[in-house]
Amino acid sequence: MNIKDVENLAELARIELSLEEKTALLKDIGGILEYVDQIKEAKIGEVEPARNLRNIWREDKIEERDFSKELIKEQFPDAQDDFLKVKKIL
């Protein structure tokens, strides 16, 4: 990859870059591409498969709860005339 490639990318993205920005971006992209090459060369076969896997899900249990209007109003910080006051959201 060279400066011309960075200029083409900047043109496609419709952004203007100074020479310093282009140089820095070229260096960053070079580092990213080197890392991608390292990932490609990784030897997946050498990784040991996970053992002793088990299901960690729990069974659903129905729990009865009291959700009365009065209980909710008691726990709410600000209420007036059977209404709960909340902050205005725009």
PDB file of N, CA and C in Angstrom:
ATOM      1  N   MET A   1       0.859  -1.169   0.000  1.00  0.00           N
ATOM      2  CA  MET A   1       0.000   0.000   0.000  1.00  0.00           C
ATOM      3  C   MET A   1       0.906   1.233   0.000  1.00  0.00           C
ATOM      4  N   ASN A   2       0.472   2.260  -0.750  1.00  0.00           N
ATOM      5  CA  ASN A   2       1.271   3.473  -0.826  1.00  0.00           C
ATOM      6  C   ASN A   2       0.378   4.718  -0.661  1.00  0.00           C
ATOM      7  N   ILE A   3       0.985   5.894  -0.759  1.00  0.00           N
ATOM      8  CA  ILE A   3       0.258   7.155  -0.564  1.00  0.00           C
ATOM      9  C   ILE A   3      -0.874   7.290  -1.575  1.00  0.00           C
ATOM     10  N   LYS A   4      -0.645   6.834  -2.792  1.00  0.00           N
ATOM     11  CA  LYS A   4      -1.683   6.940  -3.834  1.00  0.00           C
ATOM     12  C   LYS A   4      -2.935   6.154  -3.423  1.00  0.00           C
ATOM     13  N   ASP A   5      -2.742   4.988  -2.809  1.00  0.00           N
ATOM     14  CA  ASP A   5      -3.884   4.200  -2.332  1.00  0.00           C
ATOM     15  C   ASP A   5      -4.654   4.952  -1.247  1.00  0.00           C
ATOM     16  N   VAL A   6      -3.925   5.599  -0.352  1.00  0.00           N
ATOM     17  CA  VAL A   6      -4.573   6.383   0.708  1.00  0.00           C
ATOM     18  C   VAL A   6      -5.336   7.547   0.099  1.00  0.00           C
ATOM     19  N   GLU A   7      -4.767   8.193  -0.901  1.00  0.00           N
ATOM     20  CA  GLU A   7      -5.447   9.303  -1.574  1.00  0.00           C
ATOM     21  C   GLU A   7      -6.731   8.822  -2.248  1.00  0.00           C
ATOM     22  N   ASN A   8      -6.680   7.637  -2.868  1.00  0.00           N
ATOM     23  CA  ASN A   8      -7.882   7.081  -3.498  1.00  0.00           C
ATOM     24  C   ASN A   8      -8.962   6.780  -2.458  1.00  0.00           C
ATOM     25  N   LEU A   9      -8.542   6.218  -1.309  1.00  0.00           N
ATOM     26  CA  LEU A   9      -9.507   5.947  -0.238  1.00  0.00           C
ATOM     27  C   LEU A   9     -10.125   7.237   0.290  1.00  0.00           C
ATOM     28  N   ALA A  10      -9.299   8.261   0.449  1.00  0.00           N
ATOM     29  CA  ALA A  10      -9.799   9.550   0.932  1.00  0.00           C
ATOM     30  C   ALA A  10     -10.783  10.147  -0.063  1.00  0.00           C
ATOM     31  N   GLU A  11     -10.498   9.992  -1.330  1.00  0.00           N
ATOM     32  CA  GLU A  11     -11.406  10.506  -2.366  1.00  0.00           C
ATOM     33  C   GLU A  11     -12.737   9.751  -2.340  1.00  0.00           C
ATOM     34  N   LEU A  12     -12.688   8.435  -2.183  1.00  0.00           N
ATOM     35  CA  LEU A  12     -13.920   7.646  -2.097  1.00  0.00           C
ATOM     36  C   LEU A  12     -14.733   8.022  -0.857  1.00  0.00           C
ATOM     37  N   ALA A  13     -14.034   8.324   0.228  1.00  0.00           N
ATOM     38  CA  ALA A  13     -14.712   8.698   1.470  1.00  0.00           C
ATOM     39  C   ALA A  13     -15.099  10.178   1.477  1.00  0.00           C
ATOM     40  N   ARG A  14     -14.668  10.900   0.451  1.00  0.00           N
ATOM     41  CA  ARG A  14     -14.944  12.332   0.323  1.00  0.00           C
ATOM     42  C   ARG A  14     -14.427  13.122   1.535  1.00  0.00           C
ATOM     43  N   ILE A  15     -13.176  12.827   1.899  1.00  0.00           N
ATOM     44  CA  ILE A  15     -12.532  13.572   2.971  1.00  0.00           C
ATOM     45  C   ILE A  15     -11.212  14.127   2.447  1.00  0.00           C
ATOM     46  N   GLU A  16     -10.826  15.268   2.987  1.00  0.00           N
ATOM     47  CA  GLU A  16      -9.553  15.872   2.614  1.00  0.00           C
ATOM     48  C   GLU A  16      -8.544  15.582   3.703  1.00  0.00           C
ATOM     49  N   LEU A  17      -7.357  15.166   3.287  1.00  0.00           N
ATOM     50  CA  LEU A  17      -6.297  14.840   4.234  1.00  0.00           C
ATOM     51  C   LEU A  17      -5.046  15.613   3.876  1.00  0.00           C
ATOM     52  N   SER A  18      -4.343  16.084   4.898  1.00  0.00           N
ATOM     53  CA  SER A  18      -3.047  16.708   4.667  1.00  0.00           C
ATOM     54  C   SER A  18      -2.014  15.618   4.419  1.00  0.00           C
ATOM     55  N   LEU A  19      -0.822  16.011   4.004  1.00  0.00           N
ATOM     56  CA  LEU A  19       0.231  15.038   3.741  1.00  0.00           C
ATOM     57  C   LEU A  19       0.603  14.277   5.018  1.00  0.00           C
ATOM     58  N   GLU A  20       0.612  14.988   6.162  1.00  0.00           N
ATOM     59  CA  GLU A  20       0.929  14.344   7.432  1.00  0.00           C
ATOM     60  C   GLU A  20      -0.135  13.309   7.795  1.00  0.00           C
ATOM     61  N   GLU A  21      -1.391  13.658   7.568  1.00  0.00           N
ATOM     62  CA  GLU A  21      -2.487  12.726   7.866  1.00  0.00           C
ATOM     63  C   GLU A  21      -2.424  11.503   6.958  1.00  0.00           C
ATOM     64  N   LYS A  22      -2.105  11.733   5.701  1.00  0.00           N
ATOM     65  CA  LYS A  22      -1.986  10.610   4.762  1.00  0.00           C
ATOM     66  C   LYS A  22      -0.859   9.668   5.185  1.00  0.00           C
ATOM     67  N   THR A  23       0.265  10.240   5.595  1.00  0.00           N
ATOM     68  CA  THR A  23       1.404   9.437   6.029  1.00  0.00           C
ATOM     69  C   THR A  23       1.057   8.640   7.277  1.00  0.00           C
ATOM     70  N   ALA A  24       0.396   9.295   8.251  1.00  0.00           N
ATOM     71  CA  ALA A  24       0.009   8.607   9.482  1.00  0.00           C
ATOM     72  C   ALA A  24      -0.988   7.491   9.185  1.00  0.00           C
ATOM     73  N   LEU A  25      -1.947   7.777   8.300  1.00  0.00           N
ATOM     74  CA  LEU A  25      -2.946   6.782   7.933  1.00  0.00           C
ATOM     75  C   LEU A  25      -2.303   5.598   7.212  1.00  0.00           C
ATOM     76  N   LEU A  26      -1.334   5.882   6.364  1.00  0.00           N
ATOM     77  CA  LEU A  26      -0.618   4.816   5.660  1.00  0.00           C
ATOM     78  C   LEU A  26       0.095   3.916   6.661  1.00  0.00           C
ATOM     79  N   LYS A  27       0.712   4.512   7.679  1.00  0.00           N
ATOM     80  CA  LYS A  27       1.403   3.729   8.704  1.00  0.00           C
ATOM     81  C   LYS A  27       0.404   2.875   9.486  1.00  0.00           C
ATOM     82  N   ASP A  28      -0.743   3.469   9.864  1.00  0.00           N
ATOM     83  CA  ASP A  28      -1.769   2.731  10.614  1.00  0.00           C
ATOM     84  C   ASP A  28      -2.322   1.563   9.791  1.00  0.00           C
ATOM     85  N   ILE A  29      -2.631   1.828   8.541  1.00  0.00           N
ATOM     86  CA  ILE A  29      -3.174   0.779   7.678  1.00  0.00           C
ATOM     87  C   ILE A  29      -2.150  -0.334   7.495  1.00  0.00           C
ATOM     88  N   GLY A  30      -0.881   0.040   7.363  1.00  0.00           N
ATOM     89  CA  GLY A  30       0.179  -0.966   7.244  1.00  0.00           C
ATOM     90  C   GLY A  30       0.224  -1.866   8.465  1.00  0.00           C
ATOM     91  N   GLY A  31       0.099  -1.283   9.655  1.00  0.00           N
ATOM     92  CA  GLY A  31       0.087  -2.076  10.876  1.00  0.00           C
ATOM     93  C   GLY A  31      -1.104  -3.003  10.942  1.00  0.00           C
ATOM     94  N   ILE A  32      -2.256  -2.512  10.516  1.00  0.00           N
ATOM     95  CA  ILE A  32      -3.468  -3.337  10.518  1.00  0.00           C
ATOM     96  C   ILE A  32      -3.309  -4.515   9.558  1.00  0.00           C
ATOM     97  N   LEU A  33      -2.782  -4.249   8.370  1.00  0.00           N
ATOM     98  CA  LEU A  33      -2.603  -5.321   7.391  1.00  0.00           C
ATOM     99  C   LEU A  33      -1.589  -6.359   7.862  1.00  0.00           C
ATOM    100  N   GLU A  34      -0.529  -5.912   8.548  1.00  0.00           N
ATOM    101  CA  GLU A  34       0.434  -6.865   9.111  1.00  0.00           C
ATOM    102  C   GLU A  34      -0.228  -7.759  10.147  1.00  0.00           C
ATOM    103  N   TYR A  35      -1.084  -7.180  10.972  1.00  0.00           N
ATOM    104  CA  TYR A  35      -1.773  -7.967  11.992  1.00  0.00           C
ATOM    105  C   TYR A  35      -2.724  -8.978  11.349  1.00  0.00           C
ATOM    106  N   VAL A  36      -3.405  -8.573  10.287  1.00  0.00           N
ATOM    107  CA  VAL A  36      -4.300  -9.491   9.574  1.00  0.00           C
ATOM    108  C   VAL A  36      -3.494 -10.653   9.003  1.00  0.00           C
ATOM    109  N   ASP A  37      -2.301 -10.378   8.493  1.00  0.00           N
ATOM    110  CA  ASP A  37      -1.442 -11.451   7.982  1.00  0.00           C
ATOM    111  C   ASP A  37      -1.052 -12.419   9.088  1.00  0.00           C
ATOM    112  N   GLN A  38      -0.782 -11.892  10.297  1.00  0.00           N
ATOM    113  CA  GLN A  38      -0.452 -12.762  11.431  1.00  0.00           C
ATOM    114  C   GLN A  38      -1.635 -13.672  11.768  1.00  0.00           C
ATOM    115  N   ILE A  39      -2.824 -13.121  11.722  1.00  0.00           N
ATOM    116  CA  ILE A  39      -4.022 -13.918  12.021  1.00  0.00           C
ATOM    117  C   ILE A  39      -4.202 -15.013  10.972  1.00  0.00           C
ATOM    118  N   LYS A  40      -3.939 -14.689   9.706  1.00  0.00           N
ATOM    119  CA  LYS A  40      -4.065 -15.680   8.642  1.00  0.00           C
ATOM    120  C   LYS A  40      -3.100 -16.842   8.841  1.00  0.00           C
ATOM    121  N   GLU A  41      -1.916 -16.552   9.392  1.00  0.00           N
ATOM    122  CA  GLU A  41      -0.898 -17.577   9.561  1.00  0.00           C
ATOM    123  C   GLU A  41      -1.078 -18.401  10.833  1.00  0.00           C
ATOM    124  N   ALA A  42      -2.031 -18.031  11.659  1.00  0.00           N
ATOM    125  CA  ALA A  42      -2.236 -18.756  12.923  1.00  0.00           C
ATOM    126  C   ALA A  42      -2.565 -20.207  12.616  1.00  0.00           C
ATOM    127  N   LYS A  43      -2.018 -21.097  13.416  1.00  0.00           N
ATOM    128  CA  LYS A  43      -2.237 -22.524  13.221  1.00  0.00           C
ATOM    129  C   LYS A  43      -3.388 -22.959  14.127  1.00  0.00           C
ATOM    130  N   ILE A  44      -4.545 -23.027  13.547  1.00  0.00           N
ATOM    131  CA  ILE A  44      -5.750 -23.353  14.300  1.00  0.00           C
ATOM    132  C   ILE A  44      -5.705 -24.772  14.841  1.00  0.00           C
ATOM    133  N   GLY A  45      -5.081 -25.684  14.129  1.00  0.00           N
ATOM    134  CA  GLY A  45      -5.053 -27.084  14.525  1.00  0.00           C
ATOM    135  C   GLY A  45      -4.318 -27.330  15.834  1.00  0.00           C
ATOM    136  N   GLU A  46      -3.468 -26.404  16.265  1.00  0.00           N
ATOM    137  CA  GLU A  46      -2.693 -26.590  17.484  1.00  0.00           C
ATOM    138  C   GLU A  46      -3.474 -26.228  18.746  1.00  0.00           C
ATOM    139  N   VAL A  47      -4.638 -25.643  18.598  1.00  0.00           N
ATOM    140  CA  VAL A  47      -5.442 -25.248  19.755  1.00  0.00           C
ATOM    141  C   VAL A  47      -6.224 -26.455  20.247  1.00  0.00           C
ATOM    142  N   GLU A  48      -6.142 -26.721  21.542  1.00  0.00           N
ATOM    143  CA  GLU A  48      -6.863 -27.865  22.111  1.00  0.00           C
ATOM    144  C   GLU A  48      -8.348 -27.540  22.215  1.00  0.00           C
ATOM    145  N   PRO A  49      -9.194 -28.484  21.850  1.00  0.00           N
ATOM    146  CA  PRO A  49     -10.629 -28.229  21.981  1.00  0.00           C
ATOM    147  C   PRO A  49     -11.039 -28.179  23.455  1.00  0.00           C
ATOM    148  N   ALA A  50     -12.086 -27.428  23.730  1.00  0.00           N
ATOM    149  CA  ALA A  50     -12.585 -27.324  25.106  1.00  0.00           C
ATOM    150  C   ALA A  50     -13.174 -28.670  25.524  1.00  0.00           C
ATOM    151  N   ARG A  51     -12.929 -29.037  26.748  1.00  0.00           N
ATOM    152  CA  ARG A  51     -13.434 -30.311  27.263  1.00  0.00           C
ATOM    153  C   ARG A  51     -14.366 -30.043  28.433  1.00  0.00           C
ATOM    154  N   ASN A  52     -15.100 -31.066  28.782  1.00  0.00           N
ATOM    155  CA  ASN A  52     -16.027 -30.995  29.923  1.00  0.00           C
ATOM    156  C   ASN A  52     -17.040 -29.860  29.775  1.00  0.00           C
ATOM    157  N   LEU A  53     -17.542 -29.697  28.574  1.00  0.00           N
ATOM    158  CA  LEU A  53     -18.567 -28.684  28.375  1.00  0.00           C
ATOM    159  C   LEU A  53     -19.883 -29.180  28.954  1.00  0.00           C
ATOM    160  N   ARG A  54     -20.614 -28.280  29.562  1.00  0.00           N
ATOM    161  CA  ARG A  54     -21.910 -28.666  30.116  1.00  0.00           C
ATOM    162  C   ARG A  54     -22.881 -27.509  29.924  1.00  0.00           C
ATOM    163  N   ASN A  55     -24.123 -27.840  29.971  1.00  0.00           N
ATOM    164  CA  ASN A  55     -25.162 -26.836  29.808  1.00  0.00           C
ATOM    165  C   ASN A  55     -25.261 -26.008  31.085  1.00  0.00           C
ATOM    166  N   ILE A  56     -25.183 -24.692  30.965  1.00  0.00           N
ATOM    167  CA  ILE A  56     -25.229 -23.839  32.148  1.00  0.00           C
ATOM    168  C   ILE A  56     -26.575 -23.136  32.303  1.00  0.00           C
ATOM    169  N   TRP A  57     -27.529 -23.474  31.451  1.00  0.00           N
ATOM    170  CA  TRP A  57     -28.841 -22.842  31.531  1.00  0.00           C
ATOM    171  C   TRP A  57     -29.619 -23.392  32.715  1.00  0.00           C
ATOM    172  N   ARG A  58     -30.372 -22.550  33.345  1.00  0.00           N
ATOM    173  CA  ARG A  58     -31.203 -22.988  34.462  1.00  0.00           C
ATOM    174  C   ARG A  58     -32.646 -23.113  33.985  1.00  0.00           C
ATOM    175  N   GLU A  59     -33.407 -23.871  34.695  1.00  0.00           N
ATOM    176  CA  GLU A  59     -34.817 -24.020  34.372  1.00  0.00           C
ATOM    177  C   GLU A  59     -35.564 -22.751  34.767  1.00  0.00           C
ATOM    178  N   ASP A  60     -36.525 -22.380  33.962  1.00  0.00           N
ATOM    179  CA  ASP A  60     -37.360 -21.226  34.292  1.00  0.00           C
ATOM    180  C   ASP A  60     -38.294 -21.579  35.434  1.00  0.00           C
ATOM    181  N   LYS A  61     -38.404 -20.662  36.375  1.00  0.00           N
ATOM    182  CA  LYS A  61     -39.302 -20.866  37.502  1.00  0.00           C
ATOM    183  C   LYS A  61     -40.251 -19.680  37.576  1.00  0.00           C
ATOM    184  N   ILE A  62     -41.497 -19.965  37.739  1.00  0.00           N
ATOM    185  CA  ILE A  62     -42.495 -18.911  37.867  1.00  0.00           C
ATOM    186  C   ILE A  62     -42.540 -18.466  39.323  1.00  0.00           C
ATOM    187  N   GLU A  63     -42.361 -17.163  39.533  1.00  0.00           N
ATOM    188  CA  GLU A  63     -42.413 -16.610  40.883  1.00  0.00           C
ATOM    189  C   GLU A  63     -43.559 -15.600  40.943  1.00  0.00           C
ATOM    190  N   GLU A  64     -44.421 -15.789  41.888  1.00  0.00           N
ATOM    191  CA  GLU A  64     -45.519 -14.855  42.062  1.00  0.00           C
ATOM    192  C   GLU A  64     -44.994 -13.575  42.698  1.00  0.00           C
ATOM    193  N   ARG A  65     -45.413 -12.435  42.159  1.00  0.00           N
ATOM    194  CA  ARG A  65     -44.996 -11.150  42.707  1.00  0.00           C
ATOM    195  C   ARG A  65     -46.204 -10.238  42.806  1.00  0.00           C
ATOM    196  N   ASP A  66     -46.126  -9.315  43.748  1.00  0.00           N
ATOM    197  CA  ASP A  66     -47.211  -8.368  43.963  1.00  0.00           C
ATOM    198  C   ASP A  66     -46.895  -7.068  43.235  1.00  0.00           C
ATOM    199  N   PHE A  67     -47.646  -6.793  42.163  1.00  0.00           N
ATOM    200  CA  PHE A  67     -47.452  -5.566  41.402  1.00  0.00           C
ATOM    201  C   PHE A  67     -48.710  -4.713  41.453  1.00  0.00           C
ATOM    202  N   SER A  68     -49.112  -4.365  42.621  1.00  0.00           N
ATOM    203  CA  SER A  68     -50.305  -3.529  42.747  1.00  0.00           C
ATOM    204  C   SER A  68     -49.945  -2.073  42.501  1.00  0.00           C
ATOM    205  N   LYS A  69     -50.940  -1.278  42.152  1.00  0.00           N
ATOM    206  CA  LYS A  69     -50.739   0.145  41.921  1.00  0.00           C
ATOM    207  C   LYS A  69     -50.174   0.828  43.161  1.00  0.00           C
ATOM    208  N   GLU A  70     -50.729   0.473  44.292  1.00  0.00           N
ATOM    209  CA  GLU A  70     -50.328   1.116  45.542  1.00  0.00           C
ATOM    210  C   GLU A  70     -48.863   0.822  45.873  1.00  0.00           C
ATOM    211  N   LEU A  71     -48.445  -0.419  45.663  1.00  0.00           N
ATOM    212  CA  LEU A  71     -47.074  -0.799  45.945  1.00  0.00           C
ATOM    213  C   LEU A  71     -46.105  -0.026  45.053  1.00  0.00           C
ATOM    214  N   ILE A  72     -46.446   0.095  43.802  1.00  0.00           N
ATOM    215  CA  ILE A  72     -45.587   0.817  42.862  1.00  0.00           C
ATOM    216  C   ILE A  72     -45.525   2.295  43.231  1.00  0.00           C
ATOM    217  N   LYS A  73     -46.672   2.905  43.554  1.00  0.00           N
ATOM    218  CA  LYS A  73     -46.691   4.331  43.935  1.00  0.00           C
ATOM    219  C   LYS A  73     -45.864   4.577  45.189  1.00  0.00           C
ATOM    220  N   GLU A  74     -45.877   3.640  46.127  1.00  0.00           N
ATOM    221  CA  GLU A  74     -45.102   3.790  47.359  1.00  0.00           C
ATOM    222  C   GLU A  74     -43.601   3.796  47.068  1.00  0.00           C
ATOM    223  N   GLN A  75     -43.183   3.025  46.085  1.00  0.00           N
ATOM    224  CA  GLN A  75     -41.760   2.900  45.780  1.00  0.00           C
ATOM    225  C   GLN A  75     -41.261   3.970  44.815  1.00  0.00           C
ATOM    226  N   PHE A  76     -42.168   4.653  44.138  1.00  0.00           N
ATOM    227  CA  PHE A  76     -41.787   5.652  43.146  1.00  0.00           C
ATOM    228  C   PHE A  76     -41.438   6.958  43.846  1.00  0.00           C
ATOM    229  N   PRO A  77     -40.395   7.665  43.389  1.00  0.00           N
ATOM    230  CA  PRO A  77     -39.950   8.863  44.106  1.00  0.00           C
ATOM    231  C   PRO A  77     -40.955  10.027  44.078  1.00  0.00           C
ATOM    232  N   ASP A  78     -41.751  10.162  43.001  1.00  0.00           N
ATOM    233  CA  ASP A  78     -42.653  11.309  42.916  1.00  0.00           C
ATOM    234  C   ASP A  78     -43.949  10.891  42.236  1.00  0.00           C
ATOM    235  N   ALA A  79     -45.065  11.045  42.937  1.00  0.00           N
ATOM    236  CA  ALA A  79     -46.376  10.693  42.391  1.00  0.00           C
ATOM    237  C   ALA A  79     -47.383  11.746  42.832  1.00  0.00           C
ATOM    238  N   GLN A  80     -48.426  11.926  41.982  1.00  0.00           N
ATOM    239  CA  GLN A  80     -49.463  12.899  42.302  1.00  0.00           C
ATOM    240  C   GLN A  80     -50.766  12.458  41.650  1.00  0.00           C
ATOM    241  N   ASP A  81     -51.823  12.364  42.430  1.00  0.00           N
ATOM    242  CA  ASP A  81     -53.165  12.033  41.923  1.00  0.00           C
ATOM    243  C   ASP A  81     -53.174  10.780  41.054  1.00  0.00           C
ATOM    244  N   ASP A  82     -52.665   9.682  41.534  1.00  0.00           N
ATOM    245  CA  ASP A  82     -52.609   8.402  40.824  1.00  0.00           C
ATOM    246  C   ASP A  82     -51.735   8.419  39.568  1.00  0.00           C
ATOM    247  N   PHE A  83     -50.886   9.437  39.421  1.00  0.00           N
ATOM    248  CA  PHE A  83     -49.946   9.495  38.299  1.00  0.00           C
ATOM    249  C   PHE A  83     -48.524   9.491  38.856  1.00  0.00           C
ATOM    250  N   LEU A  84     -47.623   8.903  38.078  1.00  0.00           N
ATOM    251  CA  LEU A  84     -46.213   8.896  38.458  1.00  0.00           C
ATOM    252  C   LEU A  84     -45.507  10.010  37.680  1.00  0.00           C
ATOM    253  N   LYS A  85     -44.800  10.876  38.386  1.00  0.00           N
ATOM    254  CA  LYS A  85     -44.104  11.989  37.740  1.00  0.00           C
ATOM    255  C   LYS A  85     -42.726  11.526  37.280  1.00  0.00           C
ATOM    256  N   VAL A  86     -42.416  11.840  36.011  1.00  0.00           N
ATOM    257  CA  VAL A  86     -41.112  11.519  35.452  1.00  0.00           C
ATOM    258  C   VAL A  86     -40.539  12.779  34.800  1.00  0.00           C
ATOM    259  N   LYS A  87     -39.248  12.749  34.512  1.00  0.00           N
ATOM    260  CA  LYS A  87     -38.616  13.893  33.853  1.00  0.00           C
ATOM    261  C   LYS A  87     -39.123  14.009  32.421  1.00  0.00           C
ATOM    262  N   LYS A  88     -39.185  15.218  31.953  1.00  0.00           N
ATOM    263  CA  LYS A  88     -39.606  15.484  30.583  1.00  0.00           C
ATOM    264  C   LYS A  88     -38.523  15.016  29.617  1.00  0.00           C
ATOM    265  N   ILE A  89     -38.919  14.266  28.606  1.00  0.00           N
ATOM    266  CA  ILE A  89     -37.982  13.733  27.623  1.00  0.00           C
ATOM    267  C   ILE A  89     -38.346  14.291  26.257  1.00  0.00           C
ATOM    268  N   LEU A  90     -37.373  14.926  25.626  1.00  0.00           N
ATOM    269  CA  LEU A  90     -37.605  15.489  24.282  1.00  0.00           C
ATOM    270  C   LEU A  90     -36.700  14.856  23.286  1.00  0.00           C
TER     271      LEU A  90
END
